[in-house]
């Protein structure tokens, strides 16, 4: 029987790549890299077979989609921020079997879900950037899952629950990562260079810090009641549906775990970021 052995809310900001590859920005995101290293060690200690990434940069408009390719290989440049993230090579095994197990549960439950294995289907940096660091020498399979920008929090709760059941029916030890920001109000272009290390707006910063307080004190029901408004008022990345998928897989309001903040909260190009491990 498969199980979720690791869960996290993770950052994927391109300035992490800049921090590692551009001398003029060397070390500016060391706290994020250090957080990735802790997640990597957890994955090794827990024997993770497959990383499932809820990727807010693989944005879809209809249905629920899994990248079921057996192998992911290529070279990536961001079409959004090509000056920040380029020349990233990747080579990971996929997990077609786990994808099918999850799809079977979704189909049983009447959800419009699809898996795709076409050779030309690429991967987005919401998956690739964290995997570059976290999956290094772990060599686990990678299963990217799209985030539907027009889906509801409730749909994502259901989909997350189905993912957990699909994992249970497999033989995999799985890590589930919600790859997306907290608040996500990008700094306007005219001020974008000056906003590299800031959060855009005190309201957003205070809301993000309050959410972290709710998580640290285990007020899961209060957070989940807040989530729909939080997503709208703080310009959630892909409507914060990656977070809804994560909590759906963890049991929603029945979740009773704790968090460890592996990367303290920081601002990046106007958005709020952190790496946070959820106990399972």
C-alpha atoms as a PDB file:
ATOM      1  CA  UNK A   1       0.000   0.000   0.000  1.00  0.00           C
ATOM      2  CA  UNK A   2       1.316   3.406  -0.948  1.00  0.00           C
ATOM      3  CA  UNK A   3       1.534   6.369   1.375  1.00  0.00           C
ATOM      4  CA  UNK A   4       2.266  10.071   1.551  1.00  0.00           C
ATOM      5  CA  UNK A   5       5.546  10.303   3.442  1.00  0.00           C
ATOM      6  CA  UNK A   6       6.335  13.980   2.850  1.00  0.00           C
ATOM      7  CA  UNK A   7       4.283  17.135   2.268  1.00  0.00           C
ATOM      8  CA  UNK A   8       5.280  20.753   1.805  1.00  0.00           C
ATOM      9  CA  UNK A   9       4.343  24.191   0.542  1.00  0.00           C
ATOM     10  CA  UNK A  10       7.316  25.358  -1.504  1.00  0.00           C
ATOM     11  CA  UNK A  11       8.641  28.379  -3.333  1.00  0.00           C
ATOM     12  CA  UNK A  12       9.830  28.352  -6.940  1.00  0.00           C
ATOM     13  CA  UNK A  13      10.875  31.955  -7.567  1.00  0.00           C
ATOM     14  CA  UNK A  14      13.398  32.351 -10.424  1.00  0.00           C
ATOM     15  CA  UNK A  15      15.604  34.528  -8.209  1.00  0.00           C
ATOM     16  CA  UNK A  16      16.681  31.225  -6.596  1.00  0.00           C
ATOM     17  CA  UNK A  17      18.265  30.302  -9.927  1.00  0.00           C
ATOM     18  CA  UNK A  18      19.829  33.762 -10.148  1.00  0.00           C
ATOM     19  CA  UNK A  19      21.222  33.281  -6.664  1.00  0.00           C
ATOM     20  CA  UNK A  20      23.014  30.134  -7.807  1.00  0.00           C
ATOM     21  CA  UNK A  21      24.086  31.067 -11.348  1.00  0.00           C
ATOM     22  CA  UNK A  22      24.637  34.854 -11.545  1.00  0.00           C
ATOM     23  CA  UNK A  23      27.628  36.299  -9.670  1.00  0.00           C
ATOM     24  CA  UNK A  24      25.951  39.676  -9.118  1.00  0.00           C
ATOM     25  CA  UNK A  25      23.093  37.955  -7.243  1.00  0.00           C
ATOM     26  CA  UNK A  26      25.132  35.271  -5.511  1.00  0.00           C
ATOM     27  CA  UNK A  27      23.492  34.085  -2.313  1.00  0.00           C
ATOM     28  CA  UNK A  28      20.422  36.321  -2.337  1.00  0.00           C
ATOM     29  CA  UNK A  29      18.171  33.275  -1.975  1.00  0.00           C
ATOM     30  CA  UNK A  30      20.442  31.125   0.172  1.00  0.00           C
ATOM     31  CA  UNK A  31      17.646  30.649   2.714  1.00  0.00           C
ATOM     32  CA  UNK A  32      15.468  29.088  -0.007  1.00  0.00           C
ATOM     33  CA  UNK A  33      18.323  26.839  -1.158  1.00  0.00           C
ATOM     34  CA  UNK A  34      18.910  25.798   2.452  1.00  0.00           C
ATOM     35  CA  UNK A  35      15.205  25.010   2.808  1.00  0.00           C
ATOM     36  CA  UNK A  36      15.356  22.870  -0.309  1.00  0.00           C
ATOM     37  CA  UNK A  37      18.307  21.010   1.217  1.00  0.00           C
ATOM     38  CA  UNK A  38      16.237  20.168   4.294  1.00  0.00           C
ATOM     39  CA  UNK A  39      13.393  18.916   2.094  1.00  0.00           C
ATOM     40  CA  UNK A  40      15.904  16.865   0.118  1.00  0.00           C
ATOM     41  CA  UNK A  41      17.250  15.248   3.291  1.00  0.00           C
ATOM     42  CA  UNK A  42      13.697  14.484   4.454  1.00  0.00           C
ATOM     43  CA  UNK A  43      13.016  12.819   1.104  1.00  0.00           C
ATOM     44  CA  UNK A  44      16.118  10.663   1.461  1.00  0.00           C
ATOM     45  CA  UNK A  45      15.328   9.759   5.078  1.00  0.00           C
ATOM     46  CA  UNK A  46      11.746   8.794   4.201  1.00  0.00           C
ATOM     47  CA  UNK A  47      12.599   6.835   1.062  1.00  0.00           C
ATOM     48  CA  UNK A  48      10.563   8.949  -1.354  1.00  0.00           C
ATOM     49  CA  UNK A  49       9.888   7.095  -4.621  1.00  0.00           C
ATOM     50  CA  UNK A  50       7.953   9.858  -6.394  1.00  0.00           C
ATOM     51  CA  UNK A  51       7.600  13.607  -6.100  1.00  0.00           C
ATOM     52  CA  UNK A  52       4.131  14.904  -6.984  1.00  0.00           C
ATOM     53  CA  UNK A  53       4.239  18.624  -7.745  1.00  0.00           C
ATOM     54  CA  UNK A  54       1.105  20.767  -7.839  1.00  0.00           C
ATOM     55  CA  UNK A  55       2.582  23.232 -10.318  1.00  0.00           C
ATOM     56  CA  UNK A  56       1.021  26.702 -10.491  1.00  0.00           C
ATOM     57  CA  UNK A  57       2.993  27.381 -13.663  1.00  0.00           C
ATOM     58  CA  UNK A  58       1.366  24.483 -15.469  1.00  0.00           C
ATOM     59  CA  UNK A  59      -1.875  26.431 -15.720  1.00  0.00           C
ATOM     60  CA  UNK A  60      -4.916  24.809 -17.314  1.00  0.00           C
ATOM     61  CA  UNK A  61      -8.369  26.168 -18.126  1.00  0.00           C
ATOM     62  CA  UNK A  62     -10.560  23.057 -18.279  1.00  0.00           C
ATOM     63  CA  UNK A  63     -10.455  19.734 -16.456  1.00  0.00           C
ATOM     64  CA  UNK A  64      -7.762  18.206 -14.277  1.00  0.00           C
ATOM     65  CA  UNK A  65      -4.487  17.124 -15.872  1.00  0.00           C
ATOM     66  CA  UNK A  66      -1.509  14.941 -14.991  1.00  0.00           C
ATOM     67  CA  UNK A  67       1.775  14.711 -16.855  1.00  0.00           C
ATOM     68  CA  UNK A  68       1.958  10.924 -17.195  1.00  0.00           C
ATOM     69  CA  UNK A  69       5.097  10.795 -19.319  1.00  0.00           C
ATOM     70  CA  UNK A  70       7.482   7.970 -18.395  1.00  0.00           C
ATOM     71  CA  UNK A  71      10.500  10.243 -18.812  1.00  0.00           C
ATOM     72  CA  UNK A  72      11.138  13.983 -18.641  1.00  0.00           C
ATOM     73  CA  UNK A  73      14.251  15.334 -20.298  1.00  0.00           C
ATOM     74  CA  UNK A  74      15.208  18.641 -21.849  1.00  0.00           C
ATOM     75  CA  UNK A  75      16.569  22.137 -21.385  1.00  0.00           C
ATOM     76  CA  UNK A  76      14.384  24.905 -19.997  1.00  0.00           C
ATOM     77  CA  UNK A  77      14.138  28.668 -20.319  1.00  0.00           C
ATOM     78  CA  UNK A  78      11.290  30.630 -18.762  1.00  0.00           C
ATOM     79  CA  UNK A  79       9.133  32.405 -21.329  1.00  0.00           C
ATOM     80  CA  UNK A  80       7.938  34.767 -18.564  1.00  0.00           C
ATOM     81  CA  UNK A  81      11.325  35.710 -17.120  1.00  0.00           C
ATOM     82  CA  UNK A  82      13.980  34.608 -19.615  1.00  0.00           C
ATOM     83  CA  UNK A  83      16.520  37.004 -18.088  1.00  0.00           C
ATOM     84  CA  UNK A  84      16.145  35.304 -14.708  1.00  0.00           C
ATOM     85  CA  UNK A  85      15.847  31.601 -15.514  1.00  0.00           C
ATOM     86  CA  UNK A  86      17.516  29.934 -18.494  1.00  0.00           C
ATOM     87  CA  UNK A  87      19.759  27.009 -19.428  1.00  0.00           C
ATOM     88  CA  UNK A  88      18.312  24.601 -16.868  1.00  0.00           C
ATOM     89  CA  UNK A  89      18.885  21.019 -17.967  1.00  0.00           C
ATOM     90  CA  UNK A  90      16.669  18.280 -16.549  1.00  0.00           C
ATOM     91  CA  UNK A  91      16.413  14.502 -16.749  1.00  0.00           C
ATOM     92  CA  UNK A  92      13.892  12.698 -14.521  1.00  0.00           C
ATOM     93  CA  UNK A  93      11.955   9.479 -14.635  1.00  0.00           C
ATOM     94  CA  UNK A  94       8.209  10.036 -14.706  1.00  0.00           C
ATOM     95  CA  UNK A  95       5.581   7.904 -13.002  1.00  0.00           C
ATOM     96  CA  UNK A  96       2.968   6.684 -15.459  1.00  0.00           C
ATOM     97  CA  UNK A  97       1.810   3.950 -13.071  1.00  0.00           C
ATOM     98  CA  UNK A  98       1.069   6.304 -10.195  1.00  0.00           C
ATOM     99  CA  UNK A  99      -0.614   8.720 -12.590  1.00  0.00           C
ATOM    100  CA  UNK A 100      -2.938   5.933 -13.722  1.00  0.00           C
ATOM    101  CA  UNK A 101      -3.735   4.941 -10.147  1.00  0.00           C
ATOM    102  CA  UNK A 102      -4.733   8.525  -9.362  1.00  0.00           C
ATOM    103  CA  UNK A 103      -6.697   8.891 -12.604  1.00  0.00           C
ATOM    104  CA  UNK A 104      -8.638   5.724 -11.837  1.00  0.00           C
ATOM    105  CA  UNK A 105      -9.837   7.166  -8.532  1.00  0.00           C
ATOM    106  CA  UNK A 106     -10.724  10.502 -10.103  1.00  0.00           C
ATOM    107  CA  UNK A 107     -12.717   8.741 -12.809  1.00  0.00           C
ATOM    108  CA  UNK A 108     -14.520   6.574 -10.233  1.00  0.00           C
ATOM    109  CA  UNK A 109     -15.540   9.749  -8.455  1.00  0.00           C
ATOM    110  CA  UNK A 110     -16.874  11.366 -11.607  1.00  0.00           C
ATOM    111  CA  UNK A 111     -14.163  13.955 -12.071  1.00  0.00           C
ATOM    112  CA  UNK A 112     -13.065  15.136 -15.516  1.00  0.00           C
ATOM    113  CA  UNK A 113      -9.431  14.103 -15.287  1.00  0.00           C
ATOM    114  CA  UNK A 114      -6.881  13.333 -17.985  1.00  0.00           C
ATOM    115  CA  UNK A 115      -3.331  12.005 -18.175  1.00  0.00           C
ATOM    116  CA  UNK A 116      -0.966  12.986 -20.961  1.00  0.00           C
ATOM    117  CA  UNK A 117       2.146  11.231 -22.222  1.00  0.00           C
ATOM    118  CA  UNK A 118       2.795  13.033 -25.503  1.00  0.00           C
ATOM    119  CA  UNK A 119       6.539  13.487 -26.109  1.00  0.00           C
ATOM    120  CA  UNK A 120       6.179  17.231 -26.713  1.00  0.00           C
ATOM    121  CA  UNK A 121       4.568  17.931 -23.326  1.00  0.00           C
ATOM    122  CA  UNK A 122       7.199  19.852 -21.394  1.00  0.00           C
ATOM    123  CA  UNK A 123       7.556  20.807 -17.749  1.00  0.00           C
ATOM    124  CA  UNK A 124       7.251  24.188 -16.081  1.00  0.00           C
ATOM    125  CA  UNK A 125       9.577  25.817 -13.600  1.00  0.00           C
ATOM    126  CA  UNK A 126       7.159  25.351 -10.725  1.00  0.00           C
ATOM    127  CA  UNK A 127       8.333  21.744 -10.962  1.00  0.00           C
ATOM    128  CA  UNK A 128      11.784  22.095 -12.488  1.00  0.00           C
ATOM    129  CA  UNK A 129      13.316  24.673 -10.163  1.00  0.00           C
ATOM    130  CA  UNK A 130      12.578  22.897  -6.858  1.00  0.00           C
ATOM    131  CA  UNK A 131      13.367  19.494  -8.374  1.00  0.00           C
ATOM    132  CA  UNK A 132      16.780  20.766  -9.505  1.00  0.00           C
ATOM    133  CA  UNK A 133      17.690  21.113  -5.835  1.00  0.00           C
ATOM    134  CA  UNK A 134      15.446  18.702  -3.936  1.00  0.00           C
ATOM    135  CA  UNK A 135      15.719  15.707  -6.268  1.00  0.00           C
ATOM    136  CA  UNK A 136      19.482  15.973  -6.696  1.00  0.00           C
ATOM    137  CA  UNK A 137      20.961  12.513  -5.999  1.00  0.00           C
ATOM    138  CA  UNK A 138      17.540  11.347  -4.745  1.00  0.00           C
ATOM    139  CA  UNK A 139      16.654  10.273  -8.279  1.00  0.00           C
ATOM    140  CA  UNK A 140      12.987   9.844  -7.475  1.00  0.00           C
ATOM    141  CA  UNK A 141      10.292   9.842 -10.132  1.00  0.00           C
ATOM    142  CA  UNK A 142       8.558  13.151 -10.880  1.00  0.00           C
ATOM    143  CA  UNK A 143       4.819  13.478 -11.508  1.00  0.00           C
ATOM    144  CA  UNK A 144       3.738  17.055 -12.340  1.00  0.00           C
ATOM    145  CA  UNK A 145       0.080  17.905 -11.807  1.00  0.00           C
ATOM    146  CA  UNK A 146      -1.476  20.980 -13.396  1.00  0.00           C
ATOM    147  CA  UNK A 147      -3.399  23.636 -11.499  1.00  0.00           C
ATOM    148  CA  UNK A 148      -6.662  24.761 -13.081  1.00  0.00           C
ATOM    149  CA  UNK A 149      -7.000  28.525 -12.795  1.00  0.00           C
ATOM    150  CA  UNK A 150     -10.795  28.428 -13.146  1.00  0.00           C
ATOM    151  CA  UNK A 151     -11.477  25.611 -10.688  1.00  0.00           C
ATOM    152  CA  UNK A 152     -12.953  26.138  -7.244  1.00  0.00           C
ATOM    153  CA  UNK A 153     -11.418  25.517  -3.837  1.00  0.00           C
ATOM    154  CA  UNK A 154     -14.013  22.770  -3.372  1.00  0.00           C
ATOM    155  CA  UNK A 155     -13.039  21.036  -6.612  1.00  0.00           C
ATOM    156  CA  UNK A 156      -9.425  21.049  -5.538  1.00  0.00           C
ATOM    157  CA  UNK A 157     -10.343  19.641  -2.138  1.00  0.00           C
ATOM    158  CA  UNK A 158     -12.016  16.725  -3.940  1.00  0.00           C
ATOM    159  CA  UNK A 159      -9.139  16.285  -6.355  1.00  0.00           C
ATOM    160  CA  UNK A 160      -6.621  16.303  -3.502  1.00  0.00           C
ATOM    161  CA  UNK A 161      -8.605  13.634  -1.695  1.00  0.00           C
ATOM    162  CA  UNK A 162      -8.646  11.485  -4.836  1.00  0.00           C
ATOM    163  CA  UNK A 163      -4.884  11.919  -5.222  1.00  0.00           C
ATOM    164  CA  UNK A 164      -4.377  10.640  -1.677  1.00  0.00           C
ATOM    165  CA  UNK A 165      -6.529   7.597  -2.422  1.00  0.00           C
ATOM    166  CA  UNK A 166      -4.677   6.966  -5.686  1.00  0.00           C
ATOM    167  CA  UNK A 167      -1.388   7.042  -3.794  1.00  0.00           C
ATOM    168  CA  UNK A 168      -2.797   4.639  -1.213  1.00  0.00           C
ATOM    169  CA  UNK A 169      -3.716   2.156  -3.965  1.00  0.00           C
ATOM    170  CA  UNK A 170      -0.174   2.238  -5.355  1.00  0.00           C
ATOM    171  CA  UNK A 171       3.073   0.867  -3.937  1.00  0.00           C
ATOM    172  CA  UNK A 172       4.791   4.258  -3.836  1.00  0.00           C
ATOM    173  CA  UNK A 173       6.204   6.381  -1.039  1.00  0.00           C
ATOM    174  CA  UNK A 174       5.216   9.828  -2.231  1.00  0.00           C
ATOM    175  CA  UNK A 175       6.097  13.442  -1.500  1.00  0.00           C
ATOM    176  CA  UNK A 176       3.387  15.988  -2.336  1.00  0.00           C
ATOM    177  CA  UNK A 177       4.504  19.587  -2.869  1.00  0.00           C
ATOM    178  CA  UNK A 178       2.286  22.624  -3.420  1.00  0.00           C
ATOM    179  CA  UNK A 179       4.565  24.732  -5.601  1.00  0.00           C
ATOM    180  CA  UNK A 180       3.333  28.295  -5.438  1.00  0.00           C
ATOM    181  CA  UNK A 181       3.541  31.552  -3.553  1.00  0.00           C
ATOM    182  CA  UNK A 182       1.563  32.847  -0.636  1.00  0.00           C
ATOM    183  CA  UNK A 183       0.420  36.338  -1.699  1.00  0.00           C
ATOM    184  CA  UNK A 184       1.189  36.899  -5.374  1.00  0.00           C
ATOM    185  CA  UNK A 185       0.790  40.550  -6.310  1.00  0.00           C
ATOM    186  CA  UNK A 186       3.723  41.199  -8.626  1.00  0.00           C
ATOM    187  CA  UNK A 187       5.551  44.506  -8.342  1.00  0.00           C
ATOM    188  CA  UNK A 188       4.471  46.796 -11.230  1.00  0.00           C
ATOM    189  CA  UNK A 189       6.940  46.758 -14.100  1.00  0.00           C
ATOM    190  CA  UNK A 190       8.121  50.355 -13.546  1.00  0.00           C
ATOM    191  CA  UNK A 191       9.332  49.375 -10.053  1.00  0.00           C
ATOM    192  CA  UNK A 192      10.116  45.713 -10.737  1.00  0.00           C
ATOM    193  CA  UNK A 193      13.899  45.987 -10.435  1.00  0.00           C
ATOM    194  CA  UNK A 194      13.642  47.720  -7.056  1.00  0.00           C
ATOM    195  CA  UNK A 195      11.072  45.165  -5.837  1.00  0.00           C
ATOM    196  CA  UNK A 196      13.280  42.091  -6.164  1.00  0.00           C
ATOM    197  CA  UNK A 197      13.312  41.429  -2.411  1.00  0.00           C
ATOM    198  CA  UNK A 198      10.007  42.889  -1.284  1.00  0.00           C
ATOM    199  CA  UNK A 199       6.328  42.027  -0.849  1.00  0.00           C
ATOM    200  CA  UNK A 200       3.946  44.272  -2.769  1.00  0.00           C
ATOM    201  CA  UNK A 201       1.749  45.848  -0.115  1.00  0.00           C
ATOM    202  CA  UNK A 202       1.622  45.719   3.664  1.00  0.00           C
ATOM    203  CA  UNK A 203      -1.829  44.127   3.579  1.00  0.00           C
ATOM    204  CA  UNK A 204      -0.469  41.141   1.680  1.00  0.00           C
ATOM    205  CA  UNK A 205       2.551  40.829   3.956  1.00  0.00           C
ATOM    206  CA  UNK A 206       0.409  40.921   7.087  1.00  0.00           C
ATOM    207  CA  UNK A 207      -2.032  38.378   5.658  1.00  0.00           C
ATOM    208  CA  UNK A 208       0.814  36.010   4.792  1.00  0.00           C
ATOM    209  CA  UNK A 209       2.245  36.320   8.309  1.00  0.00           C
ATOM    210  CA  UNK A 210      -1.183  35.692   9.818  1.00  0.00           C
ATOM    211  CA  UNK A 211      -1.577  32.545   7.718  1.00  0.00           C
ATOM    212  CA  UNK A 212       1.780  31.301   8.980  1.00  0.00           C
ATOM    213  CA  UNK A 213       0.574  31.940  12.537  1.00  0.00           C
ATOM    214  CA  UNK A 214      -2.568  29.897  11.888  1.00  0.00           C
ATOM    215  CA  UNK A 215      -0.434  27.051  10.522  1.00  0.00           C
ATOM    216  CA  UNK A 216       2.041  27.203  13.401  1.00  0.00           C
ATOM    217  CA  UNK A 217      -0.793  26.988  15.937  1.00  0.00           C
ATOM    218  CA  UNK A 218      -2.624  24.233  14.070  1.00  0.00           C
ATOM    219  CA  UNK A 219      -5.738  26.284  13.332  1.00  0.00           C
ATOM    220  CA  UNK A 220      -6.442  24.351  10.169  1.00  0.00           C
ATOM    221  CA  UNK A 221     -10.216  24.849  10.085  1.00  0.00           C
ATOM    222  CA  UNK A 222      -9.835  28.596  10.511  1.00  0.00           C
ATOM    223  CA  UNK A 223      -7.294  28.737   7.697  1.00  0.00           C
ATOM    224  CA  UNK A 224      -9.421  26.683   5.330  1.00  0.00           C
ATOM    225  CA  UNK A 225     -12.424  28.904   6.029  1.00  0.00           C
ATOM    226  CA  UNK A 226     -10.187  31.872   5.242  1.00  0.00           C
ATOM    227  CA  UNK A 227      -8.638  30.384   2.095  1.00  0.00           C
ATOM    228  CA  UNK A 228     -11.220  31.520  -0.508  1.00  0.00           C
ATOM    229  CA  UNK A 229     -11.002  35.169   0.608  1.00  0.00           C
ATOM    230  CA  UNK A 230      -7.237  34.967   1.077  1.00  0.00           C
ATOM    231  CA  UNK A 231      -6.826  33.723  -2.495  1.00  0.00           C
ATOM    232  CA  UNK A 232      -8.916  36.562  -3.942  1.00  0.00           C
ATOM    233  CA  UNK A 233      -7.749  39.478  -1.797  1.00  0.00           C
ATOM    234  CA  UNK A 234      -4.059  38.559  -1.908  1.00  0.00           C
ATOM    235  CA  UNK A 235      -4.008  37.750  -5.646  1.00  0.00           C
ATOM    236  CA  UNK A 236      -3.295  34.063  -5.101  1.00  0.00           C
ATOM    237  CA  UNK A 237      -1.057  32.352  -7.627  1.00  0.00           C
ATOM    238  CA  UNK A 238      -3.424  30.295  -9.766  1.00  0.00           C
ATOM    239  CA  UNK A 239      -6.110  31.062  -7.158  1.00  0.00           C
ATOM    240  CA  UNK A 240      -4.062  29.246  -4.467  1.00  0.00           C
ATOM    241  CA  UNK A 241      -5.461  26.002  -5.808  1.00  0.00           C
ATOM    242  CA  UNK A 242      -2.117  24.263  -5.233  1.00  0.00           C
ATOM    243  CA  UNK A 243      -2.652  24.865  -1.530  1.00  0.00           C
ATOM    244  CA  UNK A 244      -6.205  23.536  -1.777  1.00  0.00           C
ATOM    245  CA  UNK A 245      -4.892  20.381  -3.478  1.00  0.00           C
ATOM    246  CA  UNK A 246      -2.314  19.933  -0.722  1.00  0.00           C
ATOM    247  CA  UNK A 247      -4.861  20.217   2.064  1.00  0.00           C
ATOM    248  CA  UNK A 248      -7.316  18.022   0.183  1.00  0.00           C
ATOM    249  CA  UNK A 249      -4.674  15.300   0.063  1.00  0.00           C
ATOM    250  CA  UNK A 250      -3.831  15.798   3.746  1.00  0.00           C
ATOM    251  CA  UNK A 251      -7.441  15.410   4.873  1.00  0.00           C
ATOM    252  CA  UNK A 252      -8.710  19.001   4.813  1.00  0.00           C
ATOM    253  CA  UNK A 253     -10.168  19.988   8.211  1.00  0.00           C
ATOM    254  CA  UNK A 254      -9.340  16.557   9.613  1.00  0.00           C
ATOM    255  CA  UNK A 255      -5.630  17.290   9.268  1.00  0.00           C
ATOM    256  CA  UNK A 256      -3.967  17.419  12.694  1.00  0.00           C
ATOM    257  CA  UNK A 257      -0.308  17.822  11.770  1.00  0.00           C
ATOM    258  CA  UNK A 258       2.306  20.441  12.486  1.00  0.00           C
ATOM    259  CA  UNK A 259       4.607  22.542  10.330  1.00  0.00           C
ATOM    260  CA  UNK A 260       8.318  23.230  10.258  1.00  0.00           C
ATOM    261  CA  UNK A 261       9.374  26.429   8.533  1.00  0.00           C
ATOM    262  CA  UNK A 262      12.418  25.406   6.522  1.00  0.00           C
ATOM    263  CA  UNK A 263      12.784  28.773   4.771  1.00  0.00           C
ATOM    264  CA  UNK A 264      11.566  31.826   6.696  1.00  0.00           C
ATOM    265  CA  UNK A 265       9.098  34.096   4.947  1.00  0.00           C
ATOM    266  CA  UNK A 266      10.628  36.438   2.365  1.00  0.00           C
ATOM    267  CA  UNK A 267       9.537  38.775  -0.407  1.00  0.00           C
ATOM    268  CA  UNK A 268      10.416  38.261  -4.042  1.00  0.00           C
ATOM    269  CA  UNK A 269       9.298  40.558  -6.893  1.00  0.00           C
ATOM    270  CA  UNK A 270       6.278  41.543  -4.819  1.00  0.00           C
ATOM    271  CA  UNK A 271       5.226  38.020  -3.810  1.00  0.00           C
ATOM    272  CA  UNK A 272       5.340  36.259  -0.438  1.00  0.00           C
ATOM    273  CA  UNK A 273       7.417  33.068  -0.266  1.00  0.00           C
ATOM    274  CA  UNK A 274       8.519  30.319   2.113  1.00  0.00           C
ATOM    275  CA  UNK A 275       9.400  26.625   2.273  1.00  0.00           C
ATOM    276  CA  UNK A 276       7.227  24.862   4.830  1.00  0.00           C
ATOM    277  CA  UNK A 277       7.173  21.172   5.732  1.00  0.00           C
ATOM    278  CA  UNK A 278       3.879  19.641   6.885  1.00  0.00           C
ATOM    279  CA  UNK A 279       4.066  16.611   9.142  1.00  0.00           C
ATOM    280  CA  UNK A 280       2.406  13.448   7.826  1.00  0.00           C
END
